Protein backbone atom coordinates (compact mmCIF):
# COMPACT_ATOMS: atom_id res chain seq x y z
CA MET A 1 -24.49 -101.61 14.81
CA GLU A 2 -21.25 -99.78 14.99
CA PHE A 3 -21.79 -97.74 11.98
CA ILE A 4 -24.81 -96.47 13.63
CA ASP A 5 -23.05 -95.48 16.77
CA ILE A 6 -20.34 -93.56 14.56
CA PHE A 7 -23.21 -91.76 12.62
CA ALA A 8 -25.05 -90.79 16.09
CA GLN A 9 -21.69 -89.49 17.24
CA LYS A 10 -20.73 -87.36 14.38
CA PHE A 11 -24.09 -85.77 14.50
CA LYS A 12 -24.20 -85.47 18.25
CA SER A 13 -21.26 -82.95 18.00
CA MET A 14 -23.50 -80.65 15.60
CA GLU A 15 -25.05 -77.72 17.12
CA TYR A 16 -27.93 -75.63 15.41
CA ILE A 17 -28.60 -71.73 15.77
CA GLY A 18 -31.75 -71.39 13.52
CA LYS A 19 -32.53 -73.39 10.54
CA ARG A 20 -29.39 -72.00 8.35
CA ILE A 21 -26.61 -72.21 10.65
CA SER A 22 -24.86 -75.29 11.86
CA ILE A 23 -21.91 -75.63 14.19
CA LYS A 24 -19.27 -78.59 14.63
CA ARG A 25 -16.56 -78.61 17.57
CA SER A 26 -13.98 -80.71 17.90
CA ASP A 27 -10.59 -80.27 20.30
CA LYS A 28 -8.63 -78.54 17.39
CA GLU A 29 -11.04 -76.34 15.47
CA THR A 30 -14.78 -74.94 15.12
CA SER A 31 -16.39 -75.20 11.87
CA ILE A 32 -19.55 -73.02 11.17
CA VAL A 33 -21.76 -73.50 8.21
CA ILE A 34 -24.39 -70.97 7.06
CA VAL A 35 -26.41 -72.13 4.22
CA SER A 36 -28.00 -69.42 1.99
CA GLN A 37 -31.71 -68.31 2.46
CA SER A 38 -33.44 -70.28 -0.26
CA GLU A 39 -37.49 -70.14 -1.00
CA LYS A 40 -38.81 -72.18 -4.11
CA THR A 41 -41.14 -69.60 -5.28
CA LYS A 42 -38.53 -66.62 -5.01
CA ASN A 43 -35.99 -68.74 -6.86
CA ILE A 44 -38.62 -69.71 -9.71
CA LEU A 45 -39.17 -65.74 -10.16
CA LEU A 46 -35.27 -65.21 -10.03
CA PHE A 47 -34.89 -67.61 -12.48
CA ALA A 48 -37.72 -66.04 -14.79
CA TRP A 49 -36.31 -62.81 -14.55
CA PHE A 50 -32.88 -64.08 -15.46
CA PHE A 51 -34.30 -65.70 -18.45
CA ILE A 52 -36.35 -62.70 -19.55
CA TRP A 53 -33.32 -60.46 -19.06
CA THR A 54 -31.08 -62.71 -21.06
CA VAL A 55 -33.72 -62.92 -23.93
CA SER A 56 -34.16 -59.27 -23.98
CA GLY A 57 -30.12 -58.48 -24.31
CA ILE A 58 -29.90 -61.19 -26.85
CA VAL A 59 -32.95 -59.45 -29.18
CA VAL A 60 -31.29 -56.07 -28.49
CA LEU A 61 -27.67 -57.54 -29.51
CA THR A 62 -29.12 -58.96 -32.93
CA GLN A 63 -30.70 -55.38 -33.57
CA TYR A 64 -27.23 -53.74 -33.41
CA PHE A 65 -26.04 -55.17 -36.67
CA LEU A 66 -29.41 -53.89 -38.55
CA ILE A 67 -29.14 -50.33 -37.49
CA PRO A 68 -27.30 -48.03 -39.87
CA ASP A 69 -27.05 -44.90 -37.75
CA PRO A 70 -23.79 -44.87 -35.70
CA ASN A 71 -25.26 -42.54 -32.89
CA THR A 72 -28.16 -45.08 -32.16
CA LYS A 73 -25.32 -47.82 -32.32
CA VAL A 74 -23.71 -46.11 -29.38
CA MET A 75 -26.50 -45.84 -27.50
CA LEU A 76 -27.11 -49.47 -27.76
CA ILE A 77 -23.60 -50.36 -26.75
CA VAL A 78 -24.23 -48.13 -23.44
CA TRP A 79 -27.40 -50.11 -23.08
CA LEU A 80 -25.65 -53.44 -23.50
CA GLY A 81 -23.14 -52.55 -20.96
CA PHE A 82 -25.63 -51.90 -18.48
CA TRP A 83 -27.54 -55.28 -19.67
CA ALA A 84 -24.17 -57.21 -19.02
CA TYR A 85 -23.73 -55.74 -15.75
CA PHE A 86 -27.11 -56.51 -14.18
CA GLU A 87 -27.07 -60.03 -16.26
CA PHE A 88 -23.95 -60.81 -14.26
CA ARG A 89 -25.65 -59.56 -10.89
CA ILE A 90 -28.90 -61.61 -11.63
CA PHE A 91 -26.78 -64.71 -12.50
CA LYS A 92 -24.62 -64.25 -9.47
CA ALA A 93 -27.68 -63.91 -7.12
CA PHE A 94 -29.44 -66.96 -8.62
CA MET A 95 -26.41 -69.10 -8.26
CA TRP A 96 -25.95 -67.94 -4.58
CA ARG A 97 -29.42 -68.85 -3.50
CA LYS A 98 -29.29 -72.21 -5.37
CA PHE A 99 -25.84 -73.34 -4.20
CA GLY A 100 -24.61 -70.68 -1.77
CA VAL A 101 -22.85 -71.42 1.76
CA GLU A 102 -20.58 -69.47 3.90
CA LYS A 103 -17.92 -71.39 5.54
CA ILE A 104 -16.14 -70.27 8.64
CA LYS A 105 -13.45 -72.31 10.26
CA LEU A 106 -11.60 -71.29 13.29
CA LYS A 107 -8.39 -73.46 14.21
CA GLU A 108 -4.62 -72.71 14.68
CA ASN A 109 -5.47 -68.97 15.83
CA LYS A 110 -6.79 -68.52 12.61
CA PHE A 111 -10.20 -67.34 10.98
CA PHE A 112 -10.84 -69.15 7.61
CA TYR A 113 -13.79 -67.39 5.55
CA LYS A 114 -15.30 -68.73 2.15
CA ARG A 115 -18.13 -67.99 0.31
CA ASP A 116 -18.73 -71.26 -1.64
CA VAL A 117 -20.99 -71.29 -4.29
CA ALA A 118 -21.12 -74.99 -6.01
CA GLY A 119 -17.71 -76.06 -4.54
CA LYS A 120 -16.15 -72.78 -5.75
CA GLY A 121 -14.80 -69.82 -3.72
CA LYS A 122 -11.79 -68.26 -2.43
CA ILE A 123 -10.81 -68.93 1.27
CA LYS A 124 -9.50 -65.88 3.00
CA VAL A 125 -7.57 -66.41 5.97
CA TYR A 126 -7.47 -63.97 8.95
CA GLU A 127 -4.87 -64.09 12.37
CA CYS A 128 -7.35 -63.92 15.29
CA ASP A 129 -4.59 -61.67 17.03
CA PHE A 130 -5.34 -58.99 14.54
CA ILE A 131 -9.19 -59.09 14.46
CA LYS A 132 -10.62 -56.33 16.50
CA ASP A 133 -14.23 -55.28 17.39
CA ILE A 134 -16.33 -58.32 16.34
CA ARG A 135 -19.79 -56.73 15.96
CA ILE A 136 -23.26 -57.07 14.81
CA VAL A 137 -23.59 -54.85 11.76
CA ASP A 138 -25.83 -51.62 12.70
CA LEU A 139 -28.42 -51.31 9.79
CA LYS A 140 -30.53 -48.55 9.31
CA GLU A 141 -34.34 -48.72 8.87
CA ASN A 142 -34.28 -45.72 6.31
CA SER A 143 -31.20 -46.43 4.60
CA PHE A 144 -31.99 -47.48 0.84
CA ALA A 145 -28.79 -49.03 0.38
CA ASP A 146 -29.19 -51.45 3.58
CA ASN A 147 -32.92 -52.48 2.52
CA MET A 148 -31.61 -53.43 -1.03
CA ASN A 149 -28.82 -55.69 0.42
CA LYS A 150 -31.60 -57.25 2.66
CA SER A 151 -33.83 -57.89 -0.56
CA TYR A 152 -33.77 -61.81 -1.42
CA TRP A 153 -32.54 -60.72 -5.14
CA MET A 154 -29.10 -59.17 -3.82
CA VAL A 155 -25.91 -61.17 -2.45
CA GLY A 156 -25.21 -59.31 0.54
CA GLY A 157 -26.88 -58.17 3.83
CA GLU A 158 -24.31 -59.12 6.08
CA LYS A 159 -25.10 -58.94 9.79
CA LEU A 160 -21.61 -59.80 11.34
CA ALA A 161 -18.15 -57.80 11.08
CA PHE A 162 -14.88 -57.22 12.39
CA ASP A 163 -12.11 -54.67 12.24
CA TYR A 164 -8.86 -56.30 10.34
CA TYR A 165 -5.92 -54.02 9.95
CA GLY A 166 -7.93 -50.96 9.73
CA LYS A 167 -10.21 -52.75 7.09
CA GLU A 168 -14.11 -53.97 7.97
CA ILE A 169 -14.73 -57.65 7.03
CA LYS A 170 -18.34 -58.46 7.07
CA PHE A 171 -20.05 -62.12 6.78
CA ALA A 172 -23.08 -63.89 7.94
CA MET A 173 -25.43 -62.81 4.88
CA GLN A 174 -29.20 -62.21 5.78
CA ILE A 175 -29.34 -64.02 8.81
CA GLU A 176 -32.02 -63.26 11.52
CA GLU A 177 -30.86 -60.60 14.61
CA SER A 178 -31.59 -63.69 17.07
CA GLU A 179 -29.01 -65.91 14.90
CA ALA A 180 -26.60 -63.08 14.68
CA LYS A 181 -26.47 -62.50 18.51
CA ALA A 182 -25.95 -66.25 18.76
CA LEU A 183 -23.38 -66.59 16.34
CA LEU A 184 -21.41 -63.80 17.75
CA LYS A 185 -21.35 -65.22 21.08
CA VAL A 186 -19.83 -68.46 19.63
CA ILE A 187 -17.06 -66.70 17.58
CA ARG A 188 -16.21 -64.40 20.42
CA SER A 189 -15.96 -67.49 22.72
CA GLU A 190 -13.57 -69.09 20.22
CA ILE A 191 -11.36 -66.20 19.39
CA LYS A 192 -11.08 -64.82 22.64
């Protein structure tokens, strides 16, 4: 019975903003976890895209060794450069959708931020005293770049930002407007 009480108390202190954001508060710290947006059908399509893209690159690479013309070889090297770049971007997006989590921890007057993909990622630390103008990122409906960043196939689309030593730091990827407002309120109340 004691185990059940401890378990219930642990999750009683959890708050939720929407389906993807959880907040856990204690006396010394506040932890926020934002799970990446994941849809089964889109994940299957993203994996299919990655697989087909990989196979096409391998096919072109094998043809490189069969072509005698040096100009054609140069063109293939350029094509393979573009292919490798997009191969990396597709893989990164697939891994983010499958295993990605944003972790924010506010403690000891510091803002800790980590983009965690399957347990890997670098923690960035920001002193709360130097964080200025925490805000919702203003996305333009007509902007091609903003619309691309909101797409499922990209890792991006951050909804919150702050200024830190003159540099804009963005986080909270692809959350809803209502979630962004609620999360902004929580972070502002913790940082003060």
